[in-house]
Every structure is written in C-alpha cells, then in structure tokens.
Amino acid sequence: MPVSELHTTELADHSDSAGACAVCPHPWHEHDPLGVRYCTATAASALSRGCICR
C-alpha cells in the first residue's frame, strides 16, 4: 500500500475528531511517512513509548 493511502486509511484509526494523534502530542496531519508508521505500530501494539521526534 502506498504511504499516501496508508496515511489516509490510518487517519481514522489513530486520530480523534479534531485530527490529534492518539499516540503522540502532534497533530496527525503533521506526521511524515515515518511518523505515520511509528505511531500506527505503537497504537497497534499498545506500546507505551516516546515520540519518534525526540
């Protein structure tokens, strides 16, 4: 699946109605492809880890 499709698909699963990421403090629309993968994996695995931006 192309990253652009992943980003669109995962938006509904890992953000709230305001577009905030459910995993980190950054808005979902500001995630780059690596951030999308990181936060998606973090949520899917129910991990408690810091933001990839650190």
N, C-alpha and C. Protein backbone atom coordinates (compact mmCIF):
# COMPACT_ATOMS: atom_id res chain seq x y z
N MET A 1 0.84 -1.17 0.00
CA MET A 1 0.00 0.00 0.00
C MET A 1 0.89 1.23 0.00
N PRO A 2 0.66 2.18 -0.91
CA PRO A 2 1.45 3.42 -0.92
C PRO A 2 1.26 4.20 0.37
N VAL A 3 2.29 4.94 0.75
CA VAL A 3 2.25 5.69 2.00
C VAL A 3 1.07 6.65 2.02
N SER A 4 0.76 7.30 0.90
CA SER A 4 -0.36 8.25 0.88
C SER A 4 -1.67 7.55 1.23
N GLU A 5 -1.85 6.31 0.77
CA GLU A 5 -3.06 5.55 1.12
C GLU A 5 -3.02 5.14 2.57
N LEU A 6 -1.85 4.75 3.08
CA LEU A 6 -1.72 4.38 4.49
C LEU A 6 -2.08 5.57 5.37
N HIS A 7 -1.57 6.74 5.03
CA HIS A 7 -1.85 7.94 5.80
C HIS A 7 -3.35 8.20 5.86
N THR A 8 -4.02 8.12 4.74
CA THR A 8 -5.46 8.36 4.70
C THR A 8 -6.22 7.29 5.46
N THR A 9 -5.84 6.04 5.28
CA THR A 9 -6.51 4.93 5.93
C THR A 9 -6.31 4.98 7.43
N GLU A 10 -5.11 5.23 7.88
CA GLU A 10 -4.80 5.21 9.30
C GLU A 10 -5.33 6.43 10.03
N LEU A 11 -5.64 7.51 9.33
CA LEU A 11 -6.13 8.71 9.97
C LEU A 11 -7.36 8.43 10.82
N ALA A 12 -8.28 7.65 10.31
CA ALA A 12 -9.50 7.34 11.05
C ALA A 12 -9.23 6.49 12.28
N ASP A 13 -8.21 5.65 12.22
CA ASP A 13 -7.93 4.72 13.31
C ASP A 13 -7.07 5.32 14.43
N HIS A 14 -6.25 6.31 14.13
CA HIS A 14 -5.28 6.78 15.11
C HIS A 14 -5.33 8.27 15.38
N SER A 15 -6.49 8.87 15.11
CA SER A 15 -6.66 10.27 15.45
C SER A 15 -8.07 10.48 15.99
N ASP A 16 -8.25 11.58 16.69
CA ASP A 16 -9.60 11.89 17.17
C ASP A 16 -10.30 12.79 16.15
N SER A 17 -11.49 13.23 16.47
CA SER A 17 -12.27 14.02 15.51
C SER A 17 -11.61 15.37 15.18
N ALA A 18 -10.72 15.84 16.04
CA ALA A 18 -10.01 17.09 15.79
C ALA A 18 -8.72 16.87 15.01
N GLY A 19 -8.37 15.61 14.73
CA GLY A 19 -7.17 15.31 13.96
C GLY A 19 -5.92 15.13 14.81
N ALA A 20 -6.08 15.02 16.13
CA ALA A 20 -4.94 14.81 17.01
C ALA A 20 -4.55 13.33 16.99
N CYS A 21 -3.27 13.07 17.02
CA CYS A 21 -2.78 11.69 17.05
C CYS A 21 -3.12 11.07 18.40
N ALA A 22 -3.54 9.82 18.38
CA ALA A 22 -3.89 9.12 19.61
C ALA A 22 -2.66 8.62 20.36
N VAL A 23 -1.48 8.73 19.76
CA VAL A 23 -0.26 8.18 20.35
C VAL A 23 0.69 9.26 20.84
N CYS A 24 0.86 10.32 20.07
CA CYS A 24 1.82 11.36 20.44
C CYS A 24 1.13 12.72 20.47
N PRO A 25 1.81 13.76 20.93
CA PRO A 25 1.17 15.07 21.07
C PRO A 25 1.05 15.87 19.77
N HIS A 26 1.47 15.30 18.65
CA HIS A 26 1.46 16.04 17.40
C HIS A 26 0.17 15.81 16.60
N PRO A 27 -0.31 16.83 15.89
CA PRO A 27 -1.49 16.64 15.04
C PRO A 27 -1.18 15.58 13.97
N TRP A 28 -2.17 14.76 13.65
CA TRP A 28 -1.96 13.67 12.71
C TRP A 28 -1.49 14.18 11.35
N HIS A 29 -2.02 15.31 10.90
CA HIS A 29 -1.67 15.82 9.57
C HIS A 29 -0.21 16.27 9.48
N GLU A 30 0.47 16.43 10.59
CA GLU A 30 1.88 16.83 10.58
C GLU A 30 2.83 15.64 10.55
N HIS A 31 2.32 14.41 10.60
CA HIS A 31 3.17 13.23 10.56
C HIS A 31 3.75 13.02 9.17
N ASP A 32 5.04 12.74 9.10
CA ASP A 32 5.66 12.34 7.84
C ASP A 32 5.47 10.83 7.70
N PRO A 33 5.87 10.24 6.60
CA PRO A 33 5.65 8.79 6.43
C PRO A 33 6.24 7.94 7.56
N LEU A 34 7.40 8.30 8.08
CA LEU A 34 7.99 7.54 9.18
C LEU A 34 7.17 7.71 10.46
N GLY A 35 6.69 8.91 10.71
CA GLY A 35 5.84 9.15 11.87
C GLY A 35 4.53 8.38 11.80
N VAL A 36 3.96 8.30 10.59
CA VAL A 36 2.74 7.51 10.39
C VAL A 36 3.00 6.05 10.76
N ARG A 37 4.08 5.49 10.26
CA ARG A 37 4.40 4.08 10.56
C ARG A 37 4.66 3.88 12.04
N TYR A 38 5.41 4.78 12.67
CA TYR A 38 5.76 4.66 14.07
C TYR A 38 4.52 4.72 14.96
N CYS A 39 3.69 5.73 14.75
CA CYS A 39 2.50 5.88 15.60
C CYS A 39 1.48 4.79 15.33
N THR A 40 1.38 4.35 14.09
CA THR A 40 0.48 3.25 13.76
C THR A 40 0.92 1.98 14.47
N ALA A 41 2.21 1.67 14.42
CA ALA A 41 2.74 0.47 15.08
C ALA A 41 2.61 0.58 16.60
N THR A 42 2.84 1.77 17.14
CA THR A 42 2.72 1.99 18.57
C THR A 42 1.29 1.72 19.04
N ALA A 43 0.32 2.24 18.30
CA ALA A 43 -1.08 2.04 18.67
C ALA A 43 -1.49 0.58 18.48
N ALA A 44 -1.08 -0.03 17.38
CA ALA A 44 -1.48 -1.41 17.08
C ALA A 44 -0.92 -2.40 18.11
N SER A 45 0.26 -2.07 18.63
CA SER A 45 0.91 -2.96 19.60
C SER A 45 0.63 -2.55 21.04
N ALA A 46 -0.14 -1.50 21.24
CA ALA A 46 -0.46 -0.97 22.56
C ALA A 46 0.81 -0.72 23.37
N LEU A 47 1.81 -0.12 22.71
CA LEU A 47 3.08 0.18 23.36
C LEU A 47 3.02 1.54 24.04
N SER A 48 3.84 1.70 25.04
CA SER A 48 3.99 2.98 25.72
C SER A 48 5.42 3.41 25.48
N ARG A 49 5.59 4.24 24.46
CA ARG A 49 6.93 4.71 24.15
C ARG A 49 6.87 6.17 23.72
N GLY A 50 7.98 6.85 23.79
CA GLY A 50 8.03 8.26 23.47
C GLY A 50 7.82 8.53 21.99
N CYS A 51 7.70 9.77 21.69
CA CYS A 51 7.52 10.22 20.32
C CYS A 51 8.78 9.97 19.51
N ILE A 52 8.61 9.69 18.24
CA ILE A 52 9.75 9.47 17.35
C ILE A 52 10.55 10.76 17.13
N CYS A 53 9.95 11.89 17.40
CA CYS A 53 10.62 13.18 17.19
C CYS A 53 11.70 13.46 18.22
N ARG A 54 11.71 12.75 19.31
CA ARG A 54 12.71 13.02 20.36
C ARG A 54 14.08 12.59 19.95
